[in-house]
Amino acid sequence: MQNRPTQNLGRGKGKVIEFAPLSGASEHVQRRRTGIEEFDRVTGSGLVPGSALLIGGDPGIGKSTILLQATALLSKSARCAYVSGEESLDQVRMRAQRLGLAQAPVELASATNVRDIIETIDKKNFDALVIDSIQTMYLDNLDSAPGTVAQVRACAAELIRAAKRRGVCLLLVGHVTKEGQIAGPRVLEHMVDTVLYFEGDRGHTFRILRAVKNRFGPTDEIGVFEMAEQGLVEVPNPSELFLSQRQQEISGSAVFAGMEGTRPVLVEIQALVAPSPLGTPRRAVIGWDQARLSMVLAVLEARCGVTIGPNDVYLNVAGGLRIAEPAADLAVAAALASSLTGVPVPQDMVIFGEVGLSGEIRNVGQIENRLKEAYKLGFKSALIPGLSGKKPANAGNMKLVQPRQLKDILPLFSEGDD
């Protein structure tokens, strides 16, 4: 095989890179806390000077609202600017007035030319800068229109470079596609230090701010907010919110103790198994993985002898929260068995555990934290993976049911069970 000729870059054209030892001491960076505890939790205890944060979400979900609130509170101790490429100054002022933030010392501008914005960053000593949104920005040396791949990538690179050079906390708003991903090149999420997604259903009053990437803190951390007349109000105890409308003694309902980042969250999982009038039964899921539901149904049929095939199956995570961890398998299986038999899950029982394909119930992480949160909210029993009879710490006086196989939970939902 003939070798390809390599391009001659020219000797002596570059310069030697200086390396530093890994053991060297670094200067401690003081984070800037906004005062919104849920926002600071997701960002990793505040904003890091010189960092770039990208926040995405559906239109009208509250991206501009939360950033305006955070900037207004931060402006009490830092110089903050809000640059809008989508709204006029009057529109931003109207929102600030509605939120009760009209007197906050935030500097406003309506601009889209990145060259002008960078010149302003270099001339004024801002501590935090909001760009709403990155898809409206443009560089005049590119022929493409704002929002295209080339413009979004180039504008973000220039803004991030300027922010790191001047030590400015840069907060970018990003549009999302119909699939829920941030619009533009995927490299945009790699360029920034932190990526936050605003989740929530417009039919519910609360919003979930989730960190999917964070170079300065934990990922998958969530902050919960409730949409009110005065804007987004933080919810310090999400478990109480998610369980506030739970019905008493209803079959097909199970409480799952999950982990969102470092925070335990209790949420209700609802299942409905009903006879199907169709030749092919329906499988509808909201808030969980459809493929994982199919797996749990297959294990129930093949390993436990539960006949669900000819029925429609509907699964819903109440409140609009989306669950990704496999620890919800056991709670889903319990809700399905409860709906099929009509026997409710005990009202004071919390459930979590991963289900394997052979029907075994596998251990999950942070069991003590899950049980501690459930005990704090008044739950008296827990259905958890078998741990060789060892009682986890922080369980309090909770009664622990620890099956090893999924079929071992079926007696809880037999007809006439006490």
Protein backbone atom coordinates (compact mmCIF):
# COMPACT_ATOMS: atom_id res chain seq x y z
CA MET A 1 0.00 0.00 0.00
CA GLN A 2 1.46 3.31 -1.09
CA ASN A 3 1.92 5.88 1.65
CA ARG A 4 0.12 9.17 1.22
CA PRO A 5 2.33 12.22 1.04
CA THR A 6 2.09 14.28 4.21
CA GLN A 7 1.71 18.03 4.12
CA ASN A 8 4.86 19.88 5.14
CA LEU A 9 3.87 22.38 7.84
CA GLY A 10 7.35 23.88 7.89
CA ARG A 11 9.93 23.46 10.61
CA GLY A 12 10.19 26.21 13.16
CA LYS A 13 6.75 27.62 12.39
CA GLY A 14 5.22 26.61 15.72
CA LYS A 15 6.31 27.17 19.30
CA VAL A 16 6.98 24.78 22.14
CA ILE A 17 4.06 24.23 24.51
CA GLU A 18 4.80 24.82 28.19
CA PHE A 19 3.59 22.08 30.49
CA ALA A 20 2.72 22.36 34.19
CA PRO A 21 2.86 19.62 36.84
CA LEU A 22 -0.41 17.98 37.82
CA SER A 23 0.41 18.56 41.50
CA GLY A 24 0.55 22.33 41.11
CA ALA A 25 -1.73 24.51 43.22
CA SER A 26 -4.60 26.33 41.49
CA GLU A 27 -6.23 29.52 42.60
CA HIS A 28 -9.53 28.98 44.41
CA VAL A 29 -12.43 30.23 42.31
CA GLN A 30 -15.24 31.95 44.17
CA ARG A 31 -18.60 30.94 42.71
CA ARG A 32 -21.34 33.50 42.19
CA ARG A 33 -24.56 32.39 43.86
CA THR A 34 -27.79 33.78 42.49
CA GLY A 35 -29.83 33.26 45.65
CA ILE A 36 -32.25 30.90 43.88
CA GLU A 37 -31.38 27.72 45.75
CA GLU A 38 -32.80 25.32 43.15
CA PHE A 39 -30.91 27.08 40.34
CA ASP A 40 -27.67 27.12 42.34
CA ARG A 41 -28.09 23.43 43.18
CA VAL A 42 -28.28 22.48 39.49
CA THR A 43 -25.29 24.61 38.50
CA GLY A 44 -23.16 23.09 41.27
CA SER A 45 -23.48 25.72 44.05
CA GLY A 46 -23.33 28.78 41.80
CA LEU A 47 -21.83 30.17 38.60
CA VAL A 48 -18.10 29.93 37.96
CA PRO A 49 -16.44 33.09 36.55
CA GLY A 50 -15.34 32.53 32.96
CA SER A 51 -17.73 29.61 32.46
CA ALA A 52 -20.33 29.16 29.72
CA LEU A 53 -23.78 27.80 30.52
CA LEU A 54 -26.34 26.71 27.91
CA ILE A 55 -30.01 26.37 28.83
CA GLY A 56 -32.57 24.83 26.46
CA GLY A 57 -36.24 23.98 26.56
CA ASP A 58 -39.53 24.17 24.71
CA PRO A 59 -40.92 27.61 23.76
CA GLY A 60 -42.71 29.24 26.70
CA ILE A 61 -41.32 26.79 29.25
CA GLY A 62 -39.66 29.57 31.26
CA LYS A 63 -36.03 29.84 30.05
CA SER A 64 -36.03 33.62 29.76
CA THR A 65 -38.00 33.96 32.99
CA ILE A 66 -35.60 31.95 35.15
CA LEU A 67 -32.55 33.70 33.68
CA LEU A 68 -34.07 37.13 34.22
CA GLN A 69 -34.89 36.22 37.82
CA ALA A 70 -31.39 34.81 38.41
CA THR A 71 -29.73 37.83 36.79
CA ALA A 72 -31.82 40.29 38.79
CA LEU A 73 -30.86 38.64 42.09
CA LEU A 74 -27.23 38.31 41.04
CA SER A 75 -27.10 42.01 40.09
CA LYS A 76 -27.28 42.94 43.79
CA SER A 77 -23.68 41.85 44.17
CA ALA A 78 -22.34 41.75 40.60
CA ARG A 79 -22.57 43.74 37.37
CA CYS A 80 -24.99 41.90 35.08
CA ALA A 81 -26.16 42.44 31.51
CA TYR A 82 -29.04 40.92 29.57
CA VAL A 83 -28.78 40.94 25.77
CA SER A 84 -31.94 39.94 23.92
CA GLY A 85 -31.98 39.14 20.23
CA GLU A 86 -35.62 38.10 20.20
CA GLU A 87 -37.41 40.77 22.22
CA SER A 88 -37.29 44.53 22.39
CA LEU A 89 -36.24 46.37 25.52
CA ASP A 90 -39.87 47.19 26.30
CA GLN A 91 -40.82 43.52 26.19
CA VAL A 92 -38.03 42.59 28.61
CA ARG A 93 -39.03 45.47 30.89
CA MET A 94 -42.66 44.32 30.86
CA ARG A 95 -41.61 40.85 31.96
CA ALA A 96 -39.40 42.29 34.69
CA GLN A 97 -42.26 44.44 35.93
CA ARG A 98 -44.60 41.44 36.01
CA LEU A 99 -42.02 39.51 38.02
CA GLY A 100 -41.47 42.39 40.43
CA LEU A 101 -37.88 42.91 39.25
CA ALA A 102 -38.21 46.30 37.57
CA GLN A 103 -35.86 47.98 40.07
CA ALA A 104 -33.03 45.45 39.69
CA PRO A 105 -29.80 47.08 38.40
CA VAL A 106 -29.57 44.89 35.29
CA GLU A 107 -28.24 46.49 32.11
CA LEU A 108 -30.41 45.67 29.07
CA ALA A 109 -29.64 45.68 25.37
CA SER A 110 -31.31 44.45 22.20
CA ALA A 111 -28.56 43.30 19.84
CA THR A 112 -27.64 40.43 17.53
CA ASN A 113 -24.20 41.38 16.15
CA VAL A 114 -21.59 39.29 17.97
CA ARG A 115 -18.79 41.68 16.99
CA ASP A 116 -20.56 44.51 18.85
CA ILE A 117 -21.27 42.31 21.87
CA ILE A 118 -17.64 41.20 22.18
CA GLU A 119 -16.43 44.79 21.90
CA THR A 120 -18.82 45.68 24.71
CA ILE A 121 -17.54 42.81 26.86
CA ASP A 122 -13.97 44.03 26.42
CA LYS A 123 -14.84 47.64 27.29
CA LYS A 124 -17.23 47.03 30.21
CA ASN A 125 -16.40 44.92 33.22
CA PHE A 126 -19.45 42.65 33.34
CA ASP A 127 -19.56 39.79 35.81
CA ALA A 128 -22.46 37.94 34.15
CA LEU A 129 -23.94 38.16 30.65
CA VAL A 130 -27.13 36.57 29.30
CA ILE A 131 -27.52 35.98 25.55
CA ASP A 132 -31.15 35.29 24.61
CA SER A 133 -30.80 33.44 22.31
CA ILE A 134 -27.69 32.06 20.59
CA GLN A 135 -29.75 31.21 17.47
CA THR A 136 -30.46 34.93 16.86
CA MET A 137 -26.80 35.98 16.96
CA TYR A 138 -24.69 36.44 13.81
CA LEU A 139 -21.15 37.23 12.70
CA ASP A 140 -20.96 39.68 9.82
CA ASN A 141 -18.00 37.91 8.22
CA LEU A 142 -20.15 34.83 7.50
CA ASP A 143 -22.61 34.79 4.62
CA SER A 144 -25.09 32.35 6.20
CA ALA A 145 -28.22 33.49 8.03
CA PRO A 146 -28.57 33.59 11.84
CA GLY A 147 -29.52 30.21 13.30
CA THR A 148 -27.63 28.13 10.74
CA VAL A 149 -25.03 25.59 11.82
CA ALA A 150 -22.08 27.76 10.81
CA GLN A 151 -23.42 30.89 12.53
CA VAL A 152 -24.39 29.15 15.77
CA ARG A 153 -21.03 27.40 16.05
CA ALA A 154 -18.97 30.48 15.21
CA CYS A 155 -20.99 32.87 17.39
CA ALA A 156 -20.84 30.56 20.38
CA ALA A 157 -17.08 30.07 19.96
CA GLU A 158 -16.40 33.81 19.84
CA LEU A 159 -18.65 34.59 22.81
CA ILE A 160 -17.17 31.78 24.91
CA ARG A 161 -13.63 32.87 24.07
CA ALA A 162 -14.40 36.45 25.09
CA ALA A 163 -16.13 35.37 28.30
CA LYS A 164 -13.21 33.19 29.39
CA ARG A 165 -10.73 35.94 28.55
CA ARG A 166 -12.59 38.49 30.70
CA GLY A 167 -13.83 36.09 33.45
CA VAL A 168 -17.51 36.68 32.61
CA CYS A 169 -20.25 34.17 33.52
CA LEU A 170 -21.87 33.59 30.12
CA LEU A 171 -25.43 32.24 30.02
CA LEU A 172 -26.77 31.23 26.60
CA VAL A 173 -30.39 30.44 25.77
CA GLY A 174 -30.80 27.75 23.12
CA HIS A 175 -33.82 26.80 21.03
CA VAL A 176 -34.81 23.14 20.84
CA THR A 177 -35.98 20.94 17.99
CA LYS A 178 -39.28 19.07 17.97
CA GLU A 179 -37.41 16.07 19.42
CA GLY A 180 -36.41 18.20 22.43
CA GLN A 181 -32.70 18.52 21.56
CA ILE A 182 -30.95 21.88 21.44
CA ALA A 183 -31.10 23.18 17.88
CA GLY A 184 -27.91 23.68 15.92
CA PRO A 185 -24.71 21.64 15.84
CA ARG A 186 -24.14 19.05 18.54
CA VAL A 187 -20.71 20.56 19.05
CA LEU A 188 -22.42 23.51 20.75
CA GLU A 189 -23.09 21.34 23.81
CA HIS A 190 -19.44 20.22 23.83
CA MET A 191 -18.18 23.81 23.71
CA VAL A 192 -19.95 25.01 26.83
CA ASP A 193 -19.17 24.01 30.41
CA THR A 194 -22.74 23.38 31.58
CA VAL A 195 -25.88 22.26 29.73
CA LEU A 196 -29.27 22.64 31.42
CA TYR A 197 -32.62 21.51 30.08
CA PHE A 198 -35.96 22.91 31.18
CA GLU A 199 -38.53 20.12 31.29
CA GLY A 200 -42.22 20.14 32.08
CA ASP A 201 -45.68 19.78 30.67
CA ARG A 202 -47.74 22.89 30.07
CA GLY A 203 -50.62 21.05 31.69
CA HIS A 204 -48.71 21.08 34.98
CA THR A 205 -47.72 24.08 37.03
CA PHE A 206 -44.16 23.01 37.79
CA ARG A 207 -40.98 22.96 35.75
CA ILE A 208 -37.86 20.82 36.17
CA LEU A 209 -34.40 22.23 35.48
CA ARG A 210 -32.02 19.33 34.79
CA ALA A 211 -28.24 19.40 34.37
CA VAL A 212 -27.16 16.98 31.63
CA LYS A 213 -23.57 18.24 31.59
CA ASN A 214 -21.62 20.14 34.22
CA ARG A 215 -17.85 20.49 34.40
CA PHE A 216 -18.13 22.14 37.81
CA GLY A 217 -20.70 19.95 39.54
CA PRO A 218 -22.78 16.77 39.41
CA THR A 219 -24.79 15.85 36.33
CA ASP A 220 -28.44 14.74 36.37
CA GLU A 221 -29.08 17.13 39.26
CA ILE A 222 -32.54 18.69 39.15
CA GLY A 223 -34.16 21.84 40.44
CA VAL A 224 -37.93 21.99 40.73
CA PHE A 225 -39.91 25.19 40.19
CA GLU A 226 -43.60 26.00 40.22
CA MET A 227 -45.02 28.43 37.70
CA ALA A 228 -46.90 31.19 39.52
CA GLU A 229 -48.07 34.73 38.80
CA GLN A 230 -44.80 36.15 40.17
CA GLY A 231 -42.72 33.85 37.93
CA LEU A 232 -40.95 30.61 38.76
CA VAL A 233 -41.05 29.79 42.46
CA GLU A 234 -38.61 27.17 43.73
CA VAL A 235 -39.97 24.01 45.36
CA PRO A 236 -37.68 22.92 48.22
CA ASN A 237 -39.35 19.48 48.68
CA PRO A 238 -40.35 18.02 45.29
CA SER A 239 -41.50 14.70 46.77
CA GLU A 240 -44.38 16.37 48.60
CA LEU A 241 -45.38 18.12 45.37
CA PHE A 242 -45.34 14.94 43.27
CA LEU A 243 -47.36 12.99 45.86
CA SER A 244 -49.76 15.78 46.82
CA GLN A 245 -52.63 14.55 44.62
CA ARG A 246 -52.18 10.82 45.17
CA GLN A 247 -55.44 8.91 45.63
CA GLN A 248 -56.03 6.58 48.56
CA GLU A 249 -56.33 2.81 48.05
CA ILE A 250 -56.37 2.86 44.24
CA SER A 251 -55.08 -0.14 42.33
CA GLY A 252 -52.33 0.40 39.78
CA SER A 253 -50.51 3.06 41.81
CA ALA A 254 -47.05 2.63 43.36
CA VAL A 255 -44.66 5.13 44.95
CA PHE A 256 -41.14 4.96 43.58
CA ALA A 257 -38.13 6.33 45.48
CA GLY A 258 -35.74 7.57 42.80
CA MET A 259 -32.52 9.53 42.72
CA GLU A 260 -32.14 12.68 40.64
CA GLY A 261 -28.46 13.55 40.91
CA THR A 262 -27.75 13.70 44.64
CA ARG A 263 -31.39 14.28 45.60
CA PRO A 264 -33.87 11.50 46.46
CA VAL A 265 -37.29 12.12 44.91
CA LEU A 266 -40.49 10.18 45.56
CA VAL A 267 -42.92 10.02 42.67
CA GLU A 268 -46.13 8.13 41.91
CA ILE A 269 -46.13 5.58 39.09
CA GLN A 270 -49.57 4.80 37.68
CA ALA A 271 -50.43 1.75 35.56
CA LEU A 272 -53.67 0.70 33.88
CA VAL A 273 -54.13 -2.78 32.42
CA ALA A 274 -57.40 -3.02 30.51
CA PRO A 275 -58.93 -5.46 27.96
CA SER A 276 -58.03 -4.42 24.42
CA PRO A 277 -60.68 -4.11 21.70
CA LEU A 278 -57.90 -4.16 19.10
CA GLY A 279 -56.09 -7.03 17.48
CA THR A 280 -52.77 -5.56 18.58
CA PRO A 281 -52.88 -4.29 22.20
CA ARG A 282 -51.61 -0.79 22.87
CA ARG A 283 -48.58 0.09 24.98
CA ALA A 284 -48.61 3.78 25.95
CA VAL A 285 -45.95 5.29 28.22
CA ILE A 286 -45.51 8.81 29.62
CA GLY A 287 -42.39 9.65 31.61
CA TRP A 288 -40.56 6.32 31.24
CA ASP A 289 -38.75 4.27 28.61
CA GLN A 290 -41.07 2.30 26.31
CA ALA A 291 -38.45 -0.40 25.71
CA ARG A 292 -37.99 -0.88 29.45
CA LEU A 293 -41.76 -1.32 29.90
CA SER A 294 -41.73 -4.04 27.22
CA MET A 295 -38.92 -5.79 29.11
CA VAL A 296 -40.79 -5.72 32.44
CA LEU A 297 -43.95 -7.04 30.75
CA ALA A 298 -41.95 -9.87 29.16
CA VAL A 299 -40.38 -10.83 32.50
CA LEU A 300 -43.79 -10.83 34.21
CA GLU A 301 -45.18 -13.18 31.56
CA ALA A 302 -42.19 -15.49 31.04
CA ARG A 303 -40.83 -15.70 34.62
CA CYS A 304 -43.88 -15.03 36.77
CA GLY A 305 -46.71 -16.57 34.71
CA VAL A 306 -48.71 -13.32 34.63
CA THR A 307 -50.83 -13.06 31.47
CA ILE A 308 -50.88 -9.47 30.22
CA GLY A 309 -50.48 -9.96 26.46
CA PRO A 310 -54.12 -9.45 25.27
CA ASN A 311 -54.55 -6.28 27.37
CA ASP A 312 -53.82 -2.64 26.69
CA VAL A 313 -51.16 -1.26 29.02
CA TYR A 314 -50.89 2.40 29.97
CA LEU A 315 -48.09 3.70 32.20
CA ASN A 316 -47.72 7.22 33.54
CA VAL A 317 -45.28 8.94 35.86
CA ALA A 318 -47.61 11.33 37.67
CA GLY A 319 -46.70 15.00 37.63
CA GLY A 320 -44.74 15.02 34.38
CA LEU A 321 -41.35 13.96 35.75
CA ARG A 322 -39.30 11.79 33.38
CA ILE A 323 -37.51 8.83 35.00
CA ALA A 324 -34.46 7.27 33.39
CA GLU A 325 -32.93 5.02 36.05
CA PRO A 326 -33.59 1.23 35.99
CA ALA A 327 -34.37 1.28 39.72
CA ALA A 328 -37.99 2.02 38.73
CA ASP A 329 -38.44 -1.52 37.30
CA LEU A 330 -39.80 -3.01 40.52
CA ALA A 331 -42.24 -0.13 41.12
CA VAL A 332 -43.54 -0.47 37.55
CA ALA A 333 -43.97 -4.22 37.95
CA ALA A 334 -45.84 -3.70 41.23
CA ALA A 335 -48.14 -1.11 39.65
CA LEU A 336 -48.87 -3.44 36.71
CA ALA A 337 -49.62 -6.39 39.00
CA SER A 338 -51.82 -4.19 41.18
CA SER A 339 -53.83 -2.91 38.21
CA LEU A 340 -54.24 -6.41 36.77
CA THR A 341 -55.55 -7.92 40.02
CA GLY A 342 -57.34 -4.85 41.39
CA VAL A 343 -55.46 -5.13 44.70
CA PRO A 344 -53.91 -1.77 45.74
CA VAL A 345 -50.29 -1.42 46.76
CA PRO A 346 -50.17 -0.63 50.51
CA GLN A 347 -50.59 3.10 50.94
CA ASP A 348 -47.56 3.46 53.19
CA MET A 349 -45.17 1.41 51.00
CA VAL A 350 -42.36 2.78 48.85
CA ILE A 351 -40.80 0.60 46.11
CA PHE A 352 -37.54 0.52 44.15
CA GLY A 353 -35.27 -2.09 42.54
CA GLU A 354 -33.94 -3.21 39.16
CA VAL A 355 -35.43 -6.28 37.49
CA GLY A 356 -33.20 -8.63 35.49
CA LEU A 357 -34.25 -10.75 32.52
CA SER A 358 -34.18 -13.92 34.61
CA GLY A 359 -36.63 -12.35 37.05
CA GLU A 360 -34.09 -11.53 39.77
CA ILE A 361 -34.35 -8.24 41.67
CA ARG A 362 -31.00 -6.46 41.57
CA ASN A 363 -29.55 -3.96 43.97
CA VAL A 364 -29.49 -0.24 43.17
CA GLY A 365 -27.37 2.62 44.44
CA GLN A 366 -27.96 4.98 47.38
CA ILE A 367 -30.52 2.76 49.12
CA GLU A 368 -30.03 4.55 52.44
CA ASN A 369 -30.81 7.97 50.96
CA ARG A 370 -33.97 6.67 49.29
CA LEU A 371 -35.22 5.10 52.52
CA LYS A 372 -34.36 8.16 54.56
CA GLU A 373 -36.47 10.38 52.28
CA ALA A 374 -39.38 7.93 52.38
CA TYR A 375 -39.22 7.67 56.18
CA LYS A 376 -39.18 11.46 56.45
CA LEU A 377 -42.41 11.63 54.43
CA GLY A 378 -44.19 9.10 56.64
CA PHE A 379 -43.83 5.83 54.73
CA LYS A 380 -43.78 2.84 57.06
CA SER A 381 -42.71 0.01 54.72
CA ALA A 382 -40.50 -0.51 51.70
CA LEU A 383 -40.31 -3.13 48.95
CA ILE A 384 -36.61 -3.23 48.03
CA PRO A 385 -34.05 -5.70 46.63
CA GLY A 386 -32.97 -8.57 48.87
CA LEU A 387 -29.74 -7.72 50.69
CA SER A 388 -28.96 -11.04 52.40
CA GLY A 389 -31.08 -10.01 55.36
CA LYS A 390 -28.94 -6.96 56.08
CA LYS A 391 -31.01 -3.95 57.13
CA PRO A 392 -29.82 -0.73 55.48
CA ALA A 393 -28.99 2.27 57.61
CA ASN A 394 -31.38 5.26 57.78
CA ALA A 395 -34.39 2.94 57.44
CA GLY A 396 -35.73 4.04 60.83
CA ASN A 397 -38.59 1.80 61.96
CA MET A 398 -39.67 0.98 58.42
CA LYS A 399 -40.74 -2.58 57.66
CA LEU A 400 -38.58 -3.90 54.84
CA VAL A 401 -39.81 -6.48 52.35
CA GLN A 402 -36.79 -7.81 50.46
CA PRO A 403 -37.68 -10.33 47.73
CA ARG A 404 -34.98 -11.86 45.55
CA GLN A 405 -37.21 -12.81 42.61
CA LEU A 406 -39.96 -10.80 40.92
CA LYS A 407 -42.42 -13.68 41.36
CA ASP A 408 -42.02 -13.30 45.15
CA ILE A 409 -43.96 -10.00 45.09
CA LEU A 410 -47.07 -11.53 43.46
CA PRO A 411 -48.60 -12.77 46.76
CA LEU A 412 -48.90 -9.11 47.76
CA PHE A 413 -51.41 -8.66 44.94
CA SER A 414 -53.37 -11.91 45.16
CA GLU A 415 -57.13 -11.74 45.40
CA GLY A 416 -58.23 -11.62 49.03
CA ASP A 417 -54.73 -10.69 50.26
CA ASP A 418 -54.73 -8.85 53.57
